[in-house]
């Protein structure tokens, strides 16, 4: 794997980690249970994407 590819994966891991954190934070602040549930689903999706990128290493 080239240095440029490693930098891309590192960047993608950072973005997915930020998105996962944001989804967790927002889900905890929402009063609407439907929206909170959706944010929890998005959190899981970003967690799965994070793990997929991590498995590339």
N, C-alpha and C. Protein backbone atom coordinates (compact mmCIF):
# COMPACT_ATOMS: atom_id res chain seq x y z
N UNK A 1 0.85 -1.17 0.00
CA UNK A 1 0.00 0.00 0.00
C UNK A 1 0.90 1.24 0.00
N UNK A 2 0.56 2.20 -0.82
CA UNK A 2 1.38 3.40 -0.94
C UNK A 2 1.12 4.35 0.23
N UNK A 3 2.01 5.29 0.40
CA UNK A 3 1.86 6.29 1.45
C UNK A 3 0.58 7.11 1.23
N UNK A 4 0.29 7.43 -0.02
CA UNK A 4 -0.90 8.22 -0.33
C UNK A 4 -2.17 7.44 0.04
N UNK A 5 -2.19 6.15 -0.22
CA UNK A 5 -3.34 5.33 0.14
C UNK A 5 -3.50 5.23 1.66
N UNK A 6 -2.39 5.12 2.37
CA UNK A 6 -2.45 5.08 3.83
C UNK A 6 -2.99 6.39 4.40
N UNK A 7 -2.57 7.51 3.81
CA UNK A 7 -3.09 8.81 4.24
C UNK A 7 -4.58 8.93 3.99
N UNK A 8 -5.05 8.40 2.86
CA UNK A 8 -6.47 8.42 2.55
C UNK A 8 -7.26 7.61 3.59
N UNK A 9 -6.76 6.44 3.92
CA UNK A 9 -7.45 5.59 4.90
C UNK A 9 -7.46 6.26 6.27
N UNK A 10 -6.33 6.87 6.64
CA UNK A 10 -6.27 7.58 7.92
C UNK A 10 -7.29 8.72 7.96
N UNK A 11 -7.39 9.45 6.87
CA UNK A 11 -8.35 10.54 6.77
C UNK A 11 -9.78 10.02 6.86
N UNK A 12 -10.07 8.93 6.16
CA UNK A 12 -11.41 8.34 6.19
C UNK A 12 -11.76 7.84 7.59
N UNK A 13 -10.79 7.25 8.28
CA UNK A 13 -11.02 6.80 9.66
C UNK A 13 -11.38 7.97 10.56
N UNK A 14 -10.68 9.07 10.39
CA UNK A 14 -10.97 10.26 11.18
C UNK A 14 -12.36 10.80 10.92
N UNK A 15 -12.75 10.85 9.64
CA UNK A 15 -14.09 11.34 9.30
C UNK A 15 -15.18 10.43 9.87
N UNK A 16 -15.00 9.13 9.75
CA UNK A 16 -16.00 8.21 10.27
C UNK A 16 -16.10 8.29 11.79
N UNK A 17 -14.98 8.49 12.44
CA UNK A 17 -14.98 8.62 13.90
C UNK A 17 -15.74 9.89 14.32
N UNK A 18 -15.52 10.99 13.60
CA UNK A 18 -16.24 12.24 13.89
C UNK A 18 -17.73 12.06 13.67
N UNK A 19 -18.10 11.43 12.56
CA UNK A 19 -19.53 11.23 12.26
C UNK A 19 -20.19 10.34 13.32
N UNK A 20 -19.48 9.30 13.73
CA UNK A 20 -20.02 8.40 14.76
C UNK A 20 -20.25 9.18 16.06
N UNK A 21 -19.30 10.01 16.44
CA UNK A 21 -19.43 10.81 17.67
C UNK A 21 -20.58 11.80 17.57
N UNK A 22 -20.70 12.45 16.42
CA UNK A 22 -21.80 13.42 16.22
C UNK A 22 -23.16 12.73 16.30
N UNK A 23 -23.28 11.58 15.69
CA UNK A 23 -24.55 10.84 15.73
C UNK A 23 -24.91 10.44 17.15
N UNK A 24 -23.92 10.01 17.92
CA UNK A 24 -24.16 9.63 19.30
C UNK A 24 -24.62 10.83 20.12
N UNK A 25 -23.95 11.95 19.94
CA UNK A 25 -24.29 13.16 20.68
C UNK A 25 -25.69 13.64 20.34
N UNK A 26 -26.01 13.70 19.05
CA UNK A 26 -27.32 14.19 18.62
C UNK A 26 -28.44 13.24 19.07
N UNK A 27 -28.19 11.94 18.96
CA UNK A 27 -29.21 10.96 19.37
C UNK A 27 -29.56 11.15 20.84
N UNK A 28 -28.59 11.50 21.67
CA UNK A 28 -28.84 11.71 23.09
C UNK A 28 -29.58 13.00 23.39
N UNK A 29 -29.56 13.94 22.46
CA UNK A 29 -30.19 15.24 22.68
C UNK A 29 -31.61 15.33 22.11
N UNK A 30 -31.97 14.40 21.24
CA UNK A 30 -33.28 14.48 20.59
C UNK A 30 -34.40 14.00 21.50
N UNK A 31 -35.52 14.69 21.42
CA UNK A 31 -36.71 14.29 22.17
C UNK A 31 -37.60 13.36 21.35
N UNK A 32 -37.52 13.48 20.04
CA UNK A 32 -38.31 12.65 19.14
C UNK A 32 -37.67 11.27 19.05
N UNK A 33 -38.38 10.25 19.49
CA UNK A 33 -37.81 8.90 19.54
C UNK A 33 -37.52 8.35 18.14
N UNK A 34 -38.30 8.74 17.15
CA UNK A 34 -38.08 8.27 15.78
C UNK A 34 -36.76 8.82 15.25
N UNK A 35 -36.55 10.10 15.45
CA UNK A 35 -35.29 10.71 14.99
C UNK A 35 -34.10 10.18 15.78
N UNK A 36 -34.28 9.98 17.07
CA UNK A 36 -33.20 9.44 17.89
C UNK A 36 -32.83 8.04 17.43
N UNK A 37 -33.83 7.25 17.08
CA UNK A 37 -33.60 5.90 16.58
C UNK A 37 -32.85 5.94 15.24
N UNK A 38 -33.23 6.87 14.39
CA UNK A 38 -32.56 7.02 13.10
C UNK A 38 -31.09 7.41 13.30
N UNK A 39 -30.84 8.31 14.23
CA UNK A 39 -29.47 8.72 14.50
C UNK A 39 -28.65 7.56 15.05
N UNK A 40 -29.27 6.70 15.83
CA UNK A 40 -28.59 5.51 16.33
C UNK A 40 -28.25 4.57 15.18
N UNK A 41 -29.16 4.45 14.21
CA UNK A 41 -28.86 3.64 13.02
C UNK A 41 -27.69 4.22 12.24
N UNK A 42 -27.67 5.55 12.10
CA UNK A 42 -26.56 6.20 11.40
C UNK A 42 -25.24 6.00 12.15
N UNK A 43 -25.31 6.04 13.47
CA UNK A 43 -24.12 5.79 14.28
C UNK A 43 -23.57 4.39 13.99
N UNK A 44 -24.46 3.40 13.91
CA UNK A 44 -24.04 2.04 13.63
C UNK A 44 -23.45 1.92 12.22
N UNK A 45 -24.06 2.63 11.26
CA UNK A 45 -23.54 2.60 9.89
C UNK A 45 -22.13 3.18 9.83
N UNK A 46 -21.92 4.31 10.52
CA UNK A 46 -20.58 4.91 10.52
C UNK A 46 -19.59 4.04 11.28
N UNK A 47 -20.05 3.35 12.29
CA UNK A 47 -19.18 2.41 13.00
C UNK A 47 -18.76 1.27 12.07
N UNK A 48 -19.72 0.76 11.30
CA UNK A 48 -19.41 -0.31 10.34
C UNK A 48 -18.42 0.18 9.27
N UNK A 49 -18.62 1.40 8.79
CA UNK A 49 -17.69 1.96 7.80
C UNK A 49 -16.30 2.15 8.41
N UNK A 50 -16.24 2.61 9.65
CA UNK A 50 -14.97 2.76 10.35
C UNK A 50 -14.24 1.43 10.40
N UNK A 51 -14.96 0.38 10.78
CA UNK A 51 -14.36 -0.94 10.88
C UNK A 51 -13.93 -1.47 9.51
N UNK A 52 -14.68 -1.15 8.47
CA UNK A 52 -14.30 -1.58 7.11
C UNK A 52 -12.98 -0.93 6.69
N UNK A 53 -12.86 0.37 6.96
CA UNK A 53 -11.61 1.06 6.63
C UNK A 53 -10.46 0.52 7.47
N UNK A 54 -10.74 0.24 8.74
CA UNK A 54 -9.69 -0.28 9.62
C UNK A 54 -9.20 -1.65 9.16
N UNK A 55 -10.11 -2.45 8.61
CA UNK A 55 -9.74 -3.78 8.12
C UNK A 55 -8.86 -3.73 6.87
N UNK A 56 -8.79 -2.57 6.22
CA UNK A 56 -7.93 -2.43 5.05
C UNK A 56 -6.45 -2.41 5.45
N UNK A 57 -6.20 -2.09 6.69
CA UNK A 57 -4.81 -1.96 7.15
C UNK A 57 -4.20 -3.28 7.51
